Amino acid sequence: QVQLVESGGGLVQAGGSLRLSCAASGNIFSIYGMGWYRQAPGKERELVARIFSGSTNYADSVKGRFTISRDNAKNTVYLQMNSLKPEDTGVYYCYADIYAPPSPRRDYWGQGTQVTVSS
C-alpha cells in the first residue's frame, strides 16, 4: 500500500519562508510526476507546482517565489516557499503519479498540511 506523508507546514509571517516535504513509501515500482496542490477556504483546489522527468511547472501566482525539487533516491518531493503572502494560505496537498503493482498506475495523495501566512 502506498502512502504519502507530508511535513513542514505551519504559521509564518508575510515575507517568510517554509519548506514542505512529501515522502512516498510502499511497494513502489516507479514514480512518474510529483507535485503540490493547495486549497484555500471556500476555493477550489489548484495546482501549485509539479515536477516530471526533470521539468517543472508552476502556477503564475508562485513563479519566482516557490521552487519544487525532488530526491528520487528518497521518493521525496519538496516545495521551498519564499516571500510568502497571506494569499498563499491554505491546505497544501502532495500528489504522486505512481505505479505500485498489483495496483494500476494512478495518482496518490497526501493528507494535507496547513500553511498559514499572517499579514
C-alpha atoms as a PDB file:
ATOM      1  CA  GLN A   1       0.000   0.000   0.000  1.00  0.00           C
ATOM      2  CA  VAL A   2       1.380   3.389  -0.987  1.00  0.00           C
ATOM      3  CA  GLN A   3       1.465   6.251   1.475  1.00  0.00           C
ATOM      4  CA  LEU A   4       2.421   9.897   1.039  1.00  0.00           C
ATOM      5  CA  VAL A   5       3.411  11.669   4.232  1.00  0.00           C
ATOM      6  CA  GLU A   6       3.774  15.448   4.248  1.00  0.00           C
ATOM      7  CA  SER A   7       5.561  17.690   6.693  1.00  0.00           C
ATOM      8  CA  GLY A   8       6.720  21.264   7.047  1.00  0.00           C
ATOM      9  CA  GLY A   9       3.542  23.314   7.205  1.00  0.00           C
ATOM     10  CA  GLY A  10       2.908  25.937   9.848  1.00  0.00           C
ATOM     11  CA  LEU A  11       2.331  29.568  10.652  1.00  0.00           C
ATOM     12  CA  VAL A  12       4.638  32.208   9.222  1.00  0.00           C
ATOM     13  CA  GLN A  13       4.584  35.964   8.784  1.00  0.00           C
ATOM     14  CA  ALA A  14       4.281  37.531   5.352  1.00  0.00           C
ATOM     15  CA  GLY A  15       7.655  37.609   3.665  1.00  0.00           C
ATOM     16  CA  GLY A  16       8.812  34.496   5.465  1.00  0.00           C
ATOM     17  CA  SER A  17       9.692  31.039   4.172  1.00  0.00           C
ATOM     18  CA  LEU A  18       8.591  27.458   4.657  1.00  0.00           C
ATOM     19  CA  ARG A  19       9.752  24.180   3.184  1.00  0.00           C
ATOM     20  CA  LEU A  20       7.286  21.382   2.619  1.00  0.00           C
ATOM     21  CA  SER A  21       8.335  17.756   2.235  1.00  0.00           C
ATOM     22  CA  CYS A  22       6.412  14.745   0.988  1.00  0.00           C
ATOM     23  CA  ALA A  23       7.785  11.214   1.185  1.00  0.00           C
ATOM     24  CA  ALA A  24       6.233   8.295  -0.678  1.00  0.00           C
ATOM     25  CA  SER A  25       6.535   4.778   0.702  1.00  0.00           C
ATOM     26  CA  GLY A  26       5.202   1.324  -0.064  1.00  0.00           C
ATOM     27  CA  ASN A  27       5.543  -1.222  -2.832  1.00  0.00           C
ATOM     28  CA  ILE A  28       6.577   1.389  -5.382  1.00  0.00           C
ATOM     29  CA  PHE A  29       7.859   0.252  -8.756  1.00  0.00           C
ATOM     30  CA  SER A  30       8.087   3.654 -10.394  1.00  0.00           C
ATOM     31  CA  ILE A  31       7.190   7.282  -9.663  1.00  0.00           C
ATOM     32  CA  TYR A  32       6.416   9.489 -12.624  1.00  0.00           C
ATOM     33  CA  GLY A  33       5.269  13.009 -11.745  1.00  0.00           C
ATOM     34  CA  MET A  34       5.079  14.559  -8.283  1.00  0.00           C
ATOM     35  CA  GLY A  35       3.719  17.863  -7.179  1.00  0.00           C
ATOM     36  CA  TRP A  36       1.718  20.072  -4.896  1.00  0.00           C
ATOM     37  CA  TYR A  37      -1.824  21.421  -4.921  1.00  0.00           C
ATOM     38  CA  ARG A  38      -3.383  23.790  -2.423  1.00  0.00           C
ATOM     39  CA  GLN A  39      -6.889  24.650  -1.327  1.00  0.00           C
ATOM     40  CA  ALA A  40      -7.837  27.889   0.350  1.00  0.00           C
ATOM     41  CA  PRO A  41     -11.052  28.207   2.355  1.00  0.00           C
ATOM     42  CA  GLY A  42     -14.036  28.491   0.031  1.00  0.00           C
ATOM     43  CA  LYS A  43     -11.928  27.924  -3.074  1.00  0.00           C
ATOM     44  CA  GLU A  44     -11.228  25.013  -5.370  1.00  0.00           C
ATOM     45  CA  ARG A  45      -8.050  23.023  -5.158  1.00  0.00           C
ATOM     46  CA  GLU A  46      -5.408  24.453  -7.503  1.00  0.00           C
ATOM     47  CA  LEU A  47      -2.083  23.241  -8.843  1.00  0.00           C
ATOM     48  CA  VAL A  48       0.882  24.988  -7.257  1.00  0.00           C
ATOM     49  CA  ALA A  49       3.836  23.175  -8.814  1.00  0.00           C
ATOM     50  CA  ARG A  50       4.762  19.843 -10.347  1.00  0.00           C
ATOM     51  CA  ILE A  51       7.906  18.099 -11.467  1.00  0.00           C
ATOM     52  CA  PHE A  52       8.114  15.398 -14.118  1.00  0.00           C
ATOM     53  CA  SER A  53      11.217  13.978 -15.761  1.00  0.00           C
ATOM     54  CA  GLY A  54      13.192  16.969 -14.577  1.00  0.00           C
ATOM     55  CA  SER A  55      10.745  19.510 -15.971  1.00  0.00           C
ATOM     56  CA  THR A  56       8.830  21.821 -13.690  1.00  0.00           C
ATOM     57  CA  ASN A  57       5.606  23.781 -13.918  1.00  0.00           C
ATOM     58  CA  TYR A  58       4.374  26.494 -11.585  1.00  0.00           C
ATOM     59  CA  ALA A  59       1.190  28.422 -11.071  1.00  0.00           C
ATOM     60  CA  ASP A  60       1.655  32.008 -12.215  1.00  0.00           C
ATOM     61  CA  SER A  61       0.935  33.220  -8.691  1.00  0.00           C
ATOM     62  CA  VAL A  62       4.005  31.456  -7.247  1.00  0.00           C
ATOM     63  CA  LYS A  63       6.560  31.787 -10.050  1.00  0.00           C
ATOM     64  CA  GLY A  64       9.788  33.279  -8.778  1.00  0.00           C
ATOM     65  CA  ARG A  65       8.886  32.600  -5.140  1.00  0.00           C
ATOM     66  CA  PHE A  66       8.404  28.817  -4.910  1.00  0.00           C
ATOM     67  CA  THR A  67      10.775  26.073  -6.011  1.00  0.00           C
ATOM     68  CA  ILE A  68       9.874  22.415  -6.400  1.00  0.00           C
ATOM     69  CA  SER A  69      12.544  19.740  -6.251  1.00  0.00           C
ATOM     70  CA  ARG A  70      12.751  16.003  -5.933  1.00  0.00           C
ATOM     71  CA  ASP A  71      15.048  13.401  -4.417  1.00  0.00           C
ATOM     72  CA  ASN A  72      14.452  10.229  -6.414  1.00  0.00           C
ATOM     73  CA  ALA A  73      16.538   8.091  -4.058  1.00  0.00           C
ATOM     74  CA  LYS A  74      14.236   9.058  -1.176  1.00  0.00           C
ATOM     75  CA  ASN A  75      10.980   9.146  -3.192  1.00  0.00           C
ATOM     76  CA  THR A  76      10.529  12.631  -1.803  1.00  0.00           C
ATOM     77  CA  VAL A  77       9.346  15.909  -3.270  1.00  0.00           C
ATOM     78  CA  TYR A  78       9.980  19.305  -1.712  1.00  0.00           C
ATOM     79  CA  LEU A  79       8.419  22.717  -2.054  1.00  0.00           C
ATOM     80  CA  GLN A  80      10.546  25.654  -0.958  1.00  0.00           C
ATOM     81  CA  MET A  81       8.273  28.626  -0.438  1.00  0.00           C
ATOM     82  CA  ASN A  82       9.842  32.077  -0.114  1.00  0.00           C
ATOM     83  CA  SER A  83       8.383  35.578   0.108  1.00  0.00           C
ATOM     84  CA  LEU A  84       5.141  34.118   1.370  1.00  0.00           C
ATOM     85  CA  LYS A  85       1.960  36.155   1.099  1.00  0.00           C
ATOM     86  CA  PRO A  86      -1.322  35.905   3.007  1.00  0.00           C
ATOM     87  CA  GLU A  87      -2.976  34.644  -0.180  1.00  0.00           C
ATOM     88  CA  ASP A  88      -0.693  31.592  -0.048  1.00  0.00           C
ATOM     89  CA  THR A  89      -2.644  30.419   2.994  1.00  0.00           C
ATOM     90  CA  GLY A  90      -4.336  27.063   2.578  1.00  0.00           C
ATOM     91  CA  VAL A  91      -4.020  23.332   2.903  1.00  0.00           C
ATOM     92  CA  TYR A  92      -1.221  22.012   0.723  1.00  0.00           C
ATOM     93  CA  TYR A  93      -1.590  18.516  -0.713  1.00  0.00           C
ATOM     94  CA  CYS A  94       1.172  16.434  -2.176  1.00  0.00           C
ATOM     95  CA  TYR A  95       0.453  14.051  -5.034  1.00  0.00           C
ATOM     96  CA  ALA A  96       2.481  11.464  -6.893  1.00  0.00           C
ATOM     97  CA  ASP A  97       1.809   9.534 -10.093  1.00  0.00           C
ATOM     98  CA  ILE A  98       2.903   6.043  -9.057  1.00  0.00           C
ATOM     99  CA  TYR A  99       2.943   2.532 -10.420  1.00  0.00           C
ATOM    100  CA  ALA A 100       2.763   0.169  -7.448  1.00  0.00           C
ATOM    101  CA  PRO A 101       1.834  -3.321  -8.571  1.00  0.00           C
ATOM    102  CA  PRO A 102      -0.521  -5.041  -8.414  1.00  0.00           C
ATOM    103  CA  SER A 103      -2.433  -1.727  -8.488  1.00  0.00           C
ATOM    104  CA  PRO A 104      -2.539   0.109 -11.824  1.00  0.00           C
ATOM    105  CA  ARG A 105      -0.645   3.345 -12.267  1.00  0.00           C
ATOM    106  CA  ARG A 106      -2.550   6.200 -10.632  1.00  0.00           C
ATOM    107  CA  ASP A 107      -2.278   9.362  -8.536  1.00  0.00           C
ATOM    108  CA  TYR A 108      -1.846   9.069  -4.794  1.00  0.00           C
ATOM    109  CA  TRP A 109      -2.461  11.932  -2.375  1.00  0.00           C
ATOM    110  CA  GLY A 110      -1.095  13.039   0.976  1.00  0.00           C
ATOM    111  CA  GLN A 111      -3.277  14.001   3.899  1.00  0.00           C
ATOM    112  CA  GLY A 112      -2.572  17.714   3.537  1.00  0.00           C
ATOM    113  CA  THR A 113      -0.588  20.169   5.604  1.00  0.00           C
ATOM    114  CA  GLN A 114      -1.799  23.597   6.706  1.00  0.00           C
ATOM    115  CA  VAL A 115       0.123  26.694   5.687  1.00  0.00           C
ATOM    116  CA  THR A 116      -0.958  29.970   7.265  1.00  0.00           C
ATOM    117  CA  VAL A 117       0.634  33.275   6.339  1.00  0.00           C
ATOM    118  CA  SER A 118      -0.186  36.205   8.592  1.00  0.00           C
ATOM    119  CA  SER A 119      -0.087  39.796   7.401  1.00  0.00           C
END
